[in-house]
Amino acid sequence: MTESIKYICKYFSDLSLEELYGILKVRAEVFVIGQKCLYIDPDGKDLDSVQVFASSEGRIIACLRIFRKEKDVLQIGRVAVIEPQRGKGIGLRMMQEAIHFVSEHLQEKKIYLEAQTYAIGFYEKLGFYTVSDEFLDEGIPHKGMELDICRDESRGTKDTGRAKDESYNLIYKQIEALTSGEDDVIANMSNIAAILHSTFGFWWTGFYVVKGDELVLGPFQGPIACSRIPFGRGVCGTAWKRKESIVVPDVEQFPGHIACSSLSRSEIVVPVLRGGNVIDLIDIDSKELNTFDGIDREHLERIADLIGKKWQ
């Protein structure tokens, strides 16, 4: 049976006593016992923090905290996964939950963390970049790293293109890391749809999979959708037939458009190719006209290329 893991974000003041006890236990196991760090763990920074933690079968198995470092900068620290649970992608998922919480609920522009040097590559996959020389903390080599937070409110400003480009670059690294240890096609499509949907707030984000002479609905985020689409029909079927991406500024102007929802106004469809054949398509809809452009197309084609190579 697959192990069920819950990821939770809570302000420190909202923690139950059992959750607080579990978090402190993980930190003691990892830092005090595992890494022999002799310091006072209750340092006062938890009091105004957000705690992000993973729970399995009633026990907390991983945690981190987010607290204010300085104006416009948050800090992530005490990142810990207990030894038996390492190598399962829990730390990655927990970091993604933390980044998403910051972008959705907090206003700061950067996240700072002090990464143990051996873990630099892990954080780089999440979009962090190094900002300091190596230093010792409790005898362990570290480097300071930062992540720039791009939010949806940047849409409509002069920097929209740049912000969107940066957001795509960040989630590409997240998708790359998230799928690196997972070979299940459904699991990967589900997470890719979720990352794109939550980052940009699209109306509908998902996949259609080629099965015989029609497209069958795959994992998606958003309202209910058409279950099957014939070859050459609608935007998806046409993109399949042409084996190329299609950007539609106004779906009502697209010949033969299939209206799965009357609220959809613009759309982009990007085919995933393997051996020159379309195996599935990324389909994204917006409730607004002219949502998608060359930036979306370029980055979604990059993601599609990653998918196609991985699933060969």
C-alpha atoms as a PDB file:
ATOM      1  CA  MET A   1       0.000   0.000   0.000  1.00  0.00           C
ATOM      2  CA  THR A   2       1.315   3.475  -0.904  1.00  0.00           C
ATOM      3  CA  GLU A   3       2.291   5.508   2.133  1.00  0.00           C
ATOM      4  CA  SER A   4      -0.033   8.478   2.662  1.00  0.00           C
ATOM      5  CA  ILE A   5       1.777  11.712   3.486  1.00  0.00           C
ATOM      6  CA  LYS A   6       0.048  14.991   4.352  1.00  0.00           C
ATOM      7  CA  TYR A   7       1.768  18.353   3.918  1.00  0.00           C
ATOM      8  CA  ILE A   8       0.583  21.108   6.244  1.00  0.00           C
ATOM      9  CA  CYS A   9       1.357  24.827   6.570  1.00  0.00           C
ATOM     10  CA  LYS A  10       0.406  26.513   9.861  1.00  0.00           C
ATOM     11  CA  TYR A  11       1.247  29.658  11.732  1.00  0.00           C
ATOM     12  CA  PHE A  12       3.115  28.786  14.930  1.00  0.00           C
ATOM     13  CA  SER A  13       0.282  30.095  17.097  1.00  0.00           C
ATOM     14  CA  ASP A  14      -2.146  27.677  15.408  1.00  0.00           C
ATOM     15  CA  LEU A  15      -0.129  24.513  16.112  1.00  0.00           C
ATOM     16  CA  SER A  16      -1.622  21.921  18.424  1.00  0.00           C
ATOM     17  CA  LEU A  17       0.521  20.671  21.298  1.00  0.00           C
ATOM     18  CA  GLU A  18       0.915  17.344  19.499  1.00  0.00           C
ATOM     19  CA  GLU A  19       2.123  19.082  16.318  1.00  0.00           C
ATOM     20  CA  LEU A  20       4.574  21.251  18.245  1.00  0.00           C
ATOM     21  CA  TYR A  21       5.921  18.195  20.072  1.00  0.00           C
ATOM     22  CA  GLY A  22       6.297  16.316  16.771  1.00  0.00           C
ATOM     23  CA  ILE A  23       8.175  19.176  15.088  1.00  0.00           C
ATOM     24  CA  LEU A  24      10.595  19.569  17.997  1.00  0.00           C
ATOM     25  CA  LYS A  25      11.147  15.807  18.043  1.00  0.00           C
ATOM     26  CA  VAL A  26      12.108  15.789  14.351  1.00  0.00           C
ATOM     27  CA  ARG A  27      14.502  18.701  14.848  1.00  0.00           C
ATOM     28  CA  ALA A  28      16.121  16.969  17.804  1.00  0.00           C
ATOM     29  CA  GLU A  29      16.529  13.709  15.870  1.00  0.00           C
ATOM     30  CA  VAL A  30      18.046  15.375  12.806  1.00  0.00           C
ATOM     31  CA  PHE A  31      20.142  18.216  14.210  1.00  0.00           C
ATOM     32  CA  VAL A  32      20.993  17.390  17.820  1.00  0.00           C
ATOM     33  CA  ILE A  33      21.406  13.624  17.512  1.00  0.00           C
ATOM     34  CA  GLY A  34      22.098  13.118  13.800  1.00  0.00           C
ATOM     35  CA  GLN A  35      24.370  16.119  13.150  1.00  0.00           C
ATOM     36  CA  LYS A  36      25.493  16.654  16.754  1.00  0.00           C
ATOM     37  CA  CYS A  37      24.623  20.368  16.662  1.00  0.00           C
ATOM     38  CA  LEU A  38      24.850  21.659  20.230  1.00  0.00           C
ATOM     39  CA  TYR A  39      22.643  24.737  20.321  1.00  0.00           C
ATOM     40  CA  ILE A  40      19.445  25.898  21.982  1.00  0.00           C
ATOM     41  CA  ASP A  41      16.731  25.001  19.497  1.00  0.00           C
ATOM     42  CA  PRO A  42      14.027  27.348  20.935  1.00  0.00           C
ATOM     43  CA  ASP A  43      15.704  30.556  19.686  1.00  0.00           C
ATOM     44  CA  GLY A  44      12.649  32.826  19.623  1.00  0.00           C
ATOM     45  CA  LYS A  45      12.325  32.780  15.818  1.00  0.00           C
ATOM     46  CA  ASP A  46       9.523  30.216  15.879  1.00  0.00           C
ATOM     47  CA  LEU A  47       7.095  32.511  17.673  1.00  0.00           C
ATOM     48  CA  ASP A  48       6.259  34.558  14.559  1.00  0.00           C
ATOM     49  CA  SER A  49       6.915  31.790  12.061  1.00  0.00           C
ATOM     50  CA  VAL A  50       4.990  29.613   9.650  1.00  0.00           C
ATOM     51  CA  GLN A  51       5.667  25.925  10.208  1.00  0.00           C
ATOM     52  CA  VAL A  52       5.555  23.582   7.218  1.00  0.00           C
ATOM     53  CA  PHE A  53       5.588  19.891   8.024  1.00  0.00           C
ATOM     54  CA  ALA A  54       4.871  16.435   6.620  1.00  0.00           C
ATOM     55  CA  SER A  55       2.870  13.856   8.532  1.00  0.00           C
ATOM     56  CA  SER A  56       2.525  10.129   7.937  1.00  0.00           C
ATOM     57  CA  GLU A  57       0.342   7.764   9.961  1.00  0.00           C
ATOM     58  CA  GLY A  58      -0.076  10.347  12.698  1.00  0.00           C
ATOM     59  CA  ARG A  59       3.616  11.113  13.084  1.00  0.00           C
ATOM     60  CA  ILE A  60       5.489  14.189  11.845  1.00  0.00           C
ATOM     61  CA  ILE A  61       8.392  13.028   9.669  1.00  0.00           C
ATOM     62  CA  ALA A  62       9.723  16.298   8.226  1.00  0.00           C
ATOM     63  CA  CYS A  63       9.526  20.012   8.924  1.00  0.00           C
ATOM     64  CA  LEU A  64      10.820  23.477   8.181  1.00  0.00           C
ATOM     65  CA  ARG A  65      10.008  26.985   9.332  1.00  0.00           C
ATOM     66  CA  ILE A  66       9.535  30.338   7.581  1.00  0.00           C
ATOM     67  CA  PHE A  67      10.263  33.563   9.451  1.00  0.00           C
ATOM     68  CA  ARG A  68      10.999  37.199   8.656  1.00  0.00           C
ATOM     69  CA  LYS A  69      14.691  37.923   8.149  1.00  0.00           C
ATOM     70  CA  GLU A  70      14.497  41.602   7.199  1.00  0.00           C
ATOM     71  CA  LYS A  71      12.361  43.987   5.146  1.00  0.00           C
ATOM     72  CA  ASP A  72      11.014  42.177   2.063  1.00  0.00           C
ATOM     73  CA  VAL A  73      13.001  39.018   2.877  1.00  0.00           C
ATOM     74  CA  LEU A  74      11.808  35.805   4.531  1.00  0.00           C
ATOM     75  CA  GLN A  75      14.082  33.027   5.718  1.00  0.00           C
ATOM     76  CA  ILE A  76      13.568  29.274   5.607  1.00  0.00           C
ATOM     77  CA  GLY A  77      15.378  27.255   8.233  1.00  0.00           C
ATOM     78  CA  ARG A  78      15.404  24.063  10.304  1.00  0.00           C
ATOM     79  CA  VAL A  79      14.750  21.991   7.163  1.00  0.00           C
ATOM     80  CA  ALA A  80      14.679  18.403   8.419  1.00  0.00           C
ATOM     81  CA  VAL A  81      13.549  14.961   7.256  1.00  0.00           C
ATOM     82  CA  ILE A  82      13.992  12.000   9.596  1.00  0.00           C
ATOM     83  CA  GLU A  83      16.524   9.433   8.368  1.00  0.00           C
ATOM     84  CA  PRO A  84      14.122   6.552   7.448  1.00  0.00           C
ATOM     85  CA  GLN A  85      12.104   8.898   5.176  1.00  0.00           C
ATOM     86  CA  ARG A  86      14.952  10.373   3.143  1.00  0.00           C
ATOM     87  CA  GLY A  87      15.274   9.798  -0.577  1.00  0.00           C
ATOM     88  CA  LYS A  88      11.500   9.780  -1.148  1.00  0.00           C
ATOM     89  CA  GLY A  89      11.077  13.364  -2.390  1.00  0.00           C
ATOM     90  CA  ILE A  90       9.545  14.541   0.889  1.00  0.00           C
ATOM     91  CA  GLY A  91      11.989  17.409   1.344  1.00  0.00           C
ATOM     92  CA  LEU A  92      11.359  18.614  -2.204  1.00  0.00           C
ATOM     93  CA  ARG A  93       7.585  18.541  -1.808  1.00  0.00           C
ATOM     94  CA  MET A  94       7.806  20.296   1.547  1.00  0.00           C
ATOM     95  CA  MET A  95       9.934  23.078   0.034  1.00  0.00           C
ATOM     96  CA  GLN A  96       7.457  23.471  -2.818  1.00  0.00           C
ATOM     97  CA  GLU A  97       4.625  23.798  -0.297  1.00  0.00           C
ATOM     98  CA  ALA A  98       6.620  26.471   1.540  1.00  0.00           C
ATOM     99  CA  ILE A  99       7.353  28.445  -1.642  1.00  0.00           C
ATOM    100  CA  HIS A 100       3.713  28.234  -2.695  1.00  0.00           C
ATOM    101  CA  PHE A 101       2.531  29.426   0.739  1.00  0.00           C
ATOM    102  CA  VAL A 102       4.865  32.432   0.559  1.00  0.00           C
ATOM    103  CA  SER A 103       3.745  33.396  -2.955  1.00  0.00           C
ATOM    104  CA  GLU A 104       0.052  33.045  -2.092  1.00  0.00           C
ATOM    105  CA  HIS A 105      -0.187  34.392   1.464  1.00  0.00           C
ATOM    106  CA  LEU A 106       2.838  36.573   2.258  1.00  0.00           C
ATOM    107  CA  GLN A 107       4.127  39.782   0.669  1.00  0.00           C
ATOM    108  CA  GLU A 108       7.913  39.526   0.892  1.00  0.00           C
ATOM    109  CA  LYS A 109       9.902  39.505  -2.365  1.00  0.00           C
ATOM    110  CA  LYS A 110      12.684  37.047  -1.535  1.00  0.00           C
ATOM    111  CA  ILE A 111      13.322  33.870   0.420  1.00  0.00           C
ATOM    112  CA  TYR A 112      16.749  33.394   1.989  1.00  0.00           C
ATOM    113  CA  LEU A 113      18.196  30.193   3.409  1.00  0.00           C
ATOM    114  CA  GLU A 114      21.537  28.876   4.596  1.00  0.00           C
ATOM    115  CA  ALA A 115      22.100  25.630   2.732  1.00  0.00           C
ATOM    116  CA  GLN A 116      24.549  22.960   3.766  1.00  0.00           C
ATOM    117  CA  THR A 117      27.065  22.899   0.925  1.00  0.00           C
ATOM    118  CA  TYR A 118      26.288  19.328  -0.107  1.00  0.00           C
ATOM    119  CA  ALA A 119      22.645  20.337  -0.700  1.00  0.00           C
ATOM    120  CA  ILE A 120      23.321  23.328  -2.984  1.00  0.00           C
ATOM    121  CA  GLY A 121      22.198  21.372  -6.067  1.00  0.00           C
ATOM    122  CA  PHE A 122      18.911  20.420  -4.416  1.00  0.00           C
ATOM    123  CA  TYR A 123      18.005  24.055  -3.748  1.00  0.00           C
ATOM    124  CA  GLU A 124      19.191  25.195  -7.185  1.00  0.00           C
ATOM    125  CA  LYS A 125      16.567  22.886  -8.720  1.00  0.00           C
ATOM    126  CA  LEU A 126      13.960  24.914  -6.833  1.00  0.00           C
ATOM    127  CA  GLY A 127      15.278  28.178  -8.274  1.00  0.00           C
ATOM    128  CA  PHE A 128      17.558  29.309  -5.431  1.00  0.00           C
ATOM    129  CA  TYR A 129      20.903  30.897  -6.302  1.00  0.00           C
ATOM    130  CA  THR A 130      24.036  31.321  -4.176  1.00  0.00           C
ATOM    131  CA  VAL A 131      24.614  34.754  -2.593  1.00  0.00           C
ATOM    132  CA  SER A 132      27.523  34.159  -0.196  1.00  0.00           C
ATOM    133  CA  ASP A 133      30.865  32.471   0.183  1.00  0.00           C
ATOM    134  CA  GLU A 134      31.063  29.253   2.162  1.00  0.00           C
ATOM    135  CA  PHE A 135      30.936  29.611   5.949  1.00  0.00           C
ATOM    136  CA  LEU A 136      30.781  27.255   8.914  1.00  0.00           C
ATOM    137  CA  ASP A 137      27.727  26.882  11.128  1.00  0.00           C
ATOM    138  CA  GLU A 138      28.154  24.402  13.995  1.00  0.00           C
ATOM    139  CA  GLY A 139      31.208  23.161  12.116  1.00  0.00           C
ATOM    140  CA  ILE A 140      29.188  22.329   8.974  1.00  0.00           C
ATOM    141  CA  PRO A 141      29.941  24.156   5.653  1.00  0.00           C
ATOM    142  CA  HIS A 142      27.046  26.331   4.430  1.00  0.00           C
ATOM    143  CA  LYS A 143      26.319  28.918   1.746  1.00  0.00           C
ATOM    144  CA  GLY A 144      23.637  31.603   1.708  1.00  0.00           C
ATOM    145  CA  MET A 145      21.044  31.255  -1.074  1.00  0.00           C
ATOM    146  CA  GLU A 146      18.080  33.312  -2.247  1.00  0.00           C
ATOM    147  CA  LEU A 147      14.937  32.815  -4.313  1.00  0.00           C
ATOM    148  CA  ASP A 148      13.042  35.666  -5.984  1.00  0.00           C
ATOM    149  CA  ILE A 149       9.269  35.383  -5.587  1.00  0.00           C
ATOM    150  CA  CYS A 150       7.197  36.154  -8.702  1.00  0.00           C
ATOM    151  CA  ARG A 151       3.478  36.676  -8.131  1.00  0.00           C
ATOM    152  CA  ASP A 152       0.482  36.842 -10.425  1.00  0.00           C
ATOM    153  CA  GLU A 153      -0.131  40.517  -9.623  1.00  0.00           C
ATOM    154  CA  SER A 154       2.795  41.312 -11.918  1.00  0.00           C
ATOM    155  CA  ARG A 155       0.455  40.533 -14.837  1.00  0.00           C
ATOM    156  CA  GLY A 156      -0.647  43.685 -16.624  1.00  0.00           C
ATOM    157  CA  THR A 157       2.468  45.698 -15.721  1.00  0.00           C
ATOM    158  CA  LYS A 158       5.404  46.562 -17.975  1.00  0.00           C
ATOM    159  CA  ASP A 159       7.313  43.662 -16.437  1.00  0.00           C
ATOM    160  CA  THR A 160       4.653  41.050 -17.171  1.00  0.00           C
ATOM    161  CA  GLY A 161       6.758  39.214 -19.749  1.00  0.00           C
ATOM    162  CA  ARG A 162       9.834  39.172 -17.571  1.00  0.00           C
ATOM    163  CA  ALA A 163       7.900  38.001 -14.511  1.00  0.00           C
ATOM    164  CA  LYS A 164       6.144  35.270 -16.497  1.00  0.00           C
ATOM    165  CA  ASP A 165       9.450  34.150 -17.969  1.00  0.00           C
ATOM    166  CA  GLU A 166      10.985  33.926 -14.488  1.00  0.00           C
ATOM    167  CA  SER A 167       7.983  31.994 -13.180  1.00  0.00           C
ATOM    168  CA  TYR A 168       8.264  29.445 -15.982  1.00  0.00           C
ATOM    169  CA  ASN A 169      11.997  29.063 -15.377  1.00  0.00           C
ATOM    170  CA  LEU A 170      11.318  28.364 -11.711  1.00  0.00           C
ATOM    171  CA  ILE A 171       8.598  25.804 -12.280  1.00  0.00           C
ATOM    172  CA  TYR A 172      10.661  24.075 -14.987  1.00  0.00           C
ATOM    173  CA  LYS A 173      13.278  23.375 -12.328  1.00  0.00           C
ATOM    174  CA  GLN A 174      10.570  22.176  -9.968  1.00  0.00           C
ATOM    175  CA  ILE A 175       9.100  19.876 -12.617  1.00  0.00           C
ATOM    176  CA  GLU A 176      12.559  18.574 -13.483  1.00  0.00           C
ATOM    177  CA  ALA A 177      13.245  17.768  -9.837  1.00  0.00           C
ATOM    178  CA  LEU A 178       9.776  16.413  -9.120  1.00  0.00           C
ATOM    179  CA  THR A 179       9.831  13.953 -12.030  1.00  0.00           C
ATOM    180  CA  SER A 180      13.480  12.899 -11.716  1.00  0.00           C
ATOM    181  CA  GLY A 181      12.718  10.001  -9.375  1.00  0.00           C
ATOM    182  CA  GLU A 182       9.221   9.146 -10.596  1.00  0.00           C
ATOM    183  CA  ASP A 183       8.485   6.969 -13.642  1.00  0.00           C
ATOM    184  CA  ASP A 184       4.697   6.779 -13.345  1.00  0.00           C
ATOM    185  CA  VAL A 185       3.134   8.765 -16.184  1.00  0.00           C
ATOM    186  CA  ILE A 186      -0.116   9.591 -14.369  1.00  0.00           C
ATOM    187  CA  ALA A 187       1.704  10.797 -11.259  1.00  0.00           C
ATOM    188  CA  ASN A 188       3.955  13.077 -13.315  1.00  0.00           C
ATOM    189  CA  MET A 189       1.125  14.515 -15.425  1.00  0.00           C
ATOM    190  CA  SER A 190      -0.875  15.170 -12.248  1.00  0.00           C
ATOM    191  CA  ASN A 191       1.935  17.084 -10.568  1.00  0.00           C
ATOM    192  CA  ILE A 192       2.837  19.042 -13.708  1.00  0.00           C
ATOM    193  CA  ALA A 193      -0.788  20.136 -14.130  1.00  0.00           C
ATOM    194  CA  ALA A 194      -0.937  21.131 -10.458  1.00  0.00           C
ATOM    195  CA  ILE A 195       2.283  23.180 -10.623  1.00  0.00           C
ATOM    196  CA  LEU A 196       1.212  25.089 -13.751  1.00  0.00           C
ATOM    197  CA  HIS A 197      -2.320  25.652 -12.439  1.00  0.00           C
ATOM    198  CA  SER A 198      -1.318  26.894  -8.989  1.00  0.00           C
ATOM    199  CA  THR A 199       1.501  29.102 -10.296  1.00  0.00           C
ATOM    200  CA  PHE A 200      -0.476  30.998 -12.920  1.00  0.00           C
ATOM    201  CA  GLY A 201      -4.073  30.586 -11.769  1.00  0.00           C
ATOM    202  CA  PHE A 202      -5.327  29.389 -15.146  1.00  0.00           C
ATOM    203  CA  TRP A 203      -9.013  28.445 -15.618  1.00  0.00           C
ATOM    204  CA  TRP A 204      -8.234  24.881 -16.729  1.00  0.00           C
ATOM    205  CA  THR A 205      -4.902  23.068 -16.927  1.00  0.00           C
ATOM    206  CA  GLY A 206      -4.457  19.466 -17.955  1.00  0.00           C
ATOM    207  CA  PHE A 207      -3.537  16.723 -20.383  1.00  0.00           C
ATOM    208  CA  TYR A 208      -5.221  14.825 -23.178  1.00  0.00           C
ATOM    209  CA  VAL A 209      -3.713  11.433 -24.004  1.00  0.00           C
ATOM    210  CA  VAL A 210      -3.664   9.853 -27.462  1.00  0.00           C
ATOM    211  CA  LYS A 211      -5.543   6.545 -27.479  1.00  0.00           C
ATOM    212  CA  GLY A 212      -6.258   5.108 -30.918  1.00  0.00           C
ATOM    213  CA  ASP A 213      -7.968   7.710 -33.085  1.00  0.00           C
ATOM    214  CA  GLU A 214      -9.055  10.032 -30.291  1.00  0.00           C
ATOM    215  CA  LEU A 215      -7.789  12.027 -27.328  1.00  0.00           C
ATOM    216  CA  VAL A 216      -8.838  10.880 -23.872  1.00  0.00           C
ATOM    217  CA  LEU A 217      -8.945  13.195 -20.873  1.00  0.00           C
ATOM    218  CA  GLY A 218      -5.952  12.812 -18.545  1.00  0.00           C
ATOM    219  CA  PRO A 219      -5.017  14.422 -15.211  1.00  0.00           C
ATOM    220  CA  PHE A 220      -6.186  18.030 -14.899  1.00  0.00           C
ATOM    221  CA  GLN A 221      -6.937  20.942 -12.574  1.00  0.00           C
ATOM    222  CA  GLY A 222     -10.145  22.924 -12.964  1.00  0.00           C
ATOM    223  CA  PRO A 223     -13.821  22.319 -13.845  1.00  0.00           C
ATOM    224  CA  ILE A 224     -15.089  19.186 -15.604  1.00  0.00           C
ATOM    225  CA  ALA A 225     -13.982  18.814 -19.219  1.00  0.00           C
ATOM    226  CA  CYS A 226     -14.684  16.890 -22.424  1.00  0.00           C
ATOM    227  CA  SER A 227     -13.737  13.245 -21.908  1.00  0.00           C
ATOM    228  CA  ARG A 228     -12.890  12.447 -25.548  1.00  0.00           C
ATOM    229  CA  ILE A 229     -11.887  14.542 -28.568  1.00  0.00           C
ATOM    230  CA  PRO A 230     -11.662  13.126 -32.126  1.00  0.00           C
ATOM    231  CA  PHE A 231      -8.547  13.468 -34.269  1.00  0.00           C
ATOM    232  CA  GLY A 232      -8.490  16.839 -36.040  1.00  0.00           C
ATOM    233  CA  ARG A 233     -11.406  18.297 -34.044  1.00  0.00           C
ATOM    234  CA  GLY A 234     -11.218  21.435 -31.926  1.00  0.00           C
ATOM    235  CA  VAL A 235      -7.984  23.079 -30.808  1.00  0.00           C
ATOM    236  CA  CYS A 236      -6.592  19.903 -29.222  1.00  0.00           C
ATOM    237  CA  GLY A 237      -7.452  17.652 -32.156  1.00  0.00           C
ATOM    238  CA  THR A 238      -6.005  20.181 -34.602  1.00  0.00           C
ATOM    239  CA  ALA A 239      -2.766  20.506 -32.642  1.00  0.00           C
ATOM    240  CA  TRP A 240      -2.529  16.707 -32.685  1.00  0.00           C
ATOM    241  CA  LYS A 241      -3.102  16.608 -36.455  1.00  0.00           C
ATOM    242  CA  ARG A 242      -0.582  19.386 -37.163  1.00  0.00           C
ATOM    243  CA  LYS A 243       1.936  18.136 -34.553  1.00  0.00           C
ATOM    244  CA  GLU A 244       2.481  21.727 -33.483  1.00  0.00           C
ATOM    245  CA  SER A 245       1.467  24.145 -30.749  1.00  0.00           C
ATOM    246  CA  ILE A 246      -1.566  26.364 -31.220  1.00  0.00           C
ATOM    247  CA  VAL A 247      -2.188  29.668 -29.417  1.00  0.00           C
ATOM    248  CA  VAL A 248      -5.804  30.862 -29.630  1.00  0.00           C
ATOM    249  CA  PRO A 249      -6.456  34.482 -28.518  1.00  0.00           C
ATOM    250  CA  ASP A 250     -10.264  34.050 -28.826  1.00  0.00           C
ATOM    251  CA  VAL A 251     -11.666  30.515 -28.898  1.00  0.00           C
ATOM    252  CA  GLU A 252     -14.913  31.701 -30.503  1.00  0.00           C
ATOM    253  CA  GLN A 253     -12.914  32.663 -33.599  1.00  0.00           C
ATOM    254  CA  PHE A 254     -11.292  29.218 -33.924  1.00  0.00           C
ATOM    255  CA  PRO A 255     -13.061  27.083 -36.581  1.00  0.00           C
ATOM    256  CA  GLY A 256     -14.604  23.966 -35.069  1.00  0.00           C
ATOM    257  CA  HIS A 257     -13.801  24.917 -31.477  1.00  0.00           C
ATOM    258  CA  ILE A 258     -15.252  22.420 -28.983  1.00  0.00           C
ATOM    259  CA  ALA A 259     -16.805  24.363 -26.107  1.00  0.00           C
ATOM    260  CA  CYS A 260     -16.308  22.152 -23.055  1.00  0.00           C
ATOM    261  CA  SER A 261     -17.058  25.281 -21.002  1.00  0.00           C
ATOM    262  CA  SER A 262     -18.667  28.529 -22.129  1.00  0.00           C
ATOM    263  CA  LEU A 263     -16.384  30.385 -19.689  1.00  0.00           C
ATOM    264  CA  SER A 264     -13.236  29.514 -21.618  1.00  0.00           C
ATOM    265  CA  ARG A 265     -12.157  32.495 -23.763  1.00  0.00           C
ATOM    266  CA  SER A 266      -8.561  31.779 -24.857  1.00  0.00           C
ATOM    267  CA  GLU A 267      -6.464  28.630 -25.056  1.00  0.00           C
ATOM    268  CA  ILE A 268      -3.035  27.154 -25.728  1.00  0.00           C
ATOM    269  CA  VAL A 269      -2.356  23.538 -26.694  1.00  0.00           C
ATOM    270  CA  VAL A 270       1.137  22.047 -26.859  1.00  0.00           C
ATOM    271  CA  PRO A 271       1.730  18.497 -28.158  1.00  0.00           C
ATOM    272  CA  VAL A 272       4.163  16.110 -26.484  1.00  0.00           C
ATOM    273  CA  LEU A 273       6.128  14.214 -29.136  1.00  0.00           C
ATOM    274  CA  ARG A 274       7.915  10.891 -28.952  1.00  0.00           C
ATOM    275  CA  GLY A 275       9.622   9.461 -32.000  1.00  0.00           C
ATOM    276  CA  GLY A 276       7.871  12.058 -34.153  1.00  0.00           C
ATOM    277  CA  ASN A 277       4.408  11.036 -32.944  1.00  0.00           C
ATOM    278  CA  VAL A 278       2.084  12.907 -30.579  1.00  0.00           C
ATOM    279  CA  ILE A 279       1.570  10.901 -27.377  1.00  0.00           C
ATOM    280  CA  ASP A 280      -0.374  13.505 -25.395  1.00  0.00           C
ATOM    281  CA  LEU A 281      -1.033  17.234 -25.239  1.00  0.00           C
ATOM    282  CA  ILE A 282      -0.812  19.990 -22.650  1.00  0.00           C
ATOM    283  CA  ASP A 283      -4.064  21.978 -22.792  1.00  0.00           C
ATOM    284  CA  ILE A 284      -4.569  25.240 -20.878  1.00  0.00           C
ATOM    285  CA  ASP A 285      -7.638  27.511 -20.931  1.00  0.00           C
ATOM    286  CA  SER A 286      -8.233  31.023 -19.615  1.00  0.00           C
ATOM    287  CA  LYS A 287     -11.415  32.928 -18.780  1.00  0.00           C
ATOM    288  CA  GLU A 288      -9.873  36.033 -20.400  1.00  0.00           C
ATOM    289  CA  LEU A 289      -9.086  36.865 -24.026  1.00  0.00           C
ATOM    290  CA  ASN A 290      -5.472  37.005 -25.267  1.00  0.00           C
ATOM    291  CA  THR A 291      -3.991  35.338 -22.190  1.00  0.00           C
ATOM    292  CA  PHE A 292      -1.307  33.303 -23.957  1.00  0.00           C
ATOM    293  CA  ASP A 293       1.643  34.454 -26.024  1.00  0.00           C
ATOM    294  CA  GLY A 294       5.042  33.388 -27.309  1.00  0.00           C
ATOM    295  CA  ILE A 295       6.458  33.189 -23.791  1.00  0.00           C
ATOM    296  CA  ASP A 296       3.847  30.620 -22.784  1.00  0.00           C
ATOM    297  CA  ARG A 297       4.417  28.680 -25.985  1.00  0.00           C
ATOM    298  CA  GLU A 298       8.205  28.644 -25.645  1.00  0.00           C
ATOM    299  CA  HIS A 299       8.192  27.435 -22.045  1.00  0.00           C
ATOM    300  CA  LEU A 300       5.362  24.940 -22.424  1.00  0.00           C
ATOM    301  CA  GLU A 301       7.152  23.437 -25.424  1.00  0.00           C
ATOM    302  CA  ARG A 302      10.238  23.121 -23.241  1.00  0.00           C
ATOM    303  CA  ILE A 303       8.175  21.307 -20.607  1.00  0.00           C
ATOM    304  CA  ALA A 304       6.621  19.114 -23.322  1.00  0.00           C
ATOM    305  CA  ASP A 305      10.097  18.259 -24.596  1.00  0.00           C
ATOM    306  CA  LEU A 306      11.128  17.216 -21.067  1.00  0.00           C
ATOM    307  CA  ILE A 307       8.035  15.009 -20.825  1.00  0.00           C
ATOM    308  CA  GLY A 308       8.648  13.426 -24.228  1.00  0.00           C
ATOM    309  CA  LYS A 309      12.265  12.571 -23.425  1.00  0.00           C
ATOM    310  CA  LYS A 310      11.421  11.200 -20.015  1.00  0.00           C
ATOM    311  CA  TRP A 311       8.656   8.912 -21.247  1.00  0.00           C
ATOM    312  CA  GLN A 312      10.620   7.321 -24.105  1.00  0.00           C
END
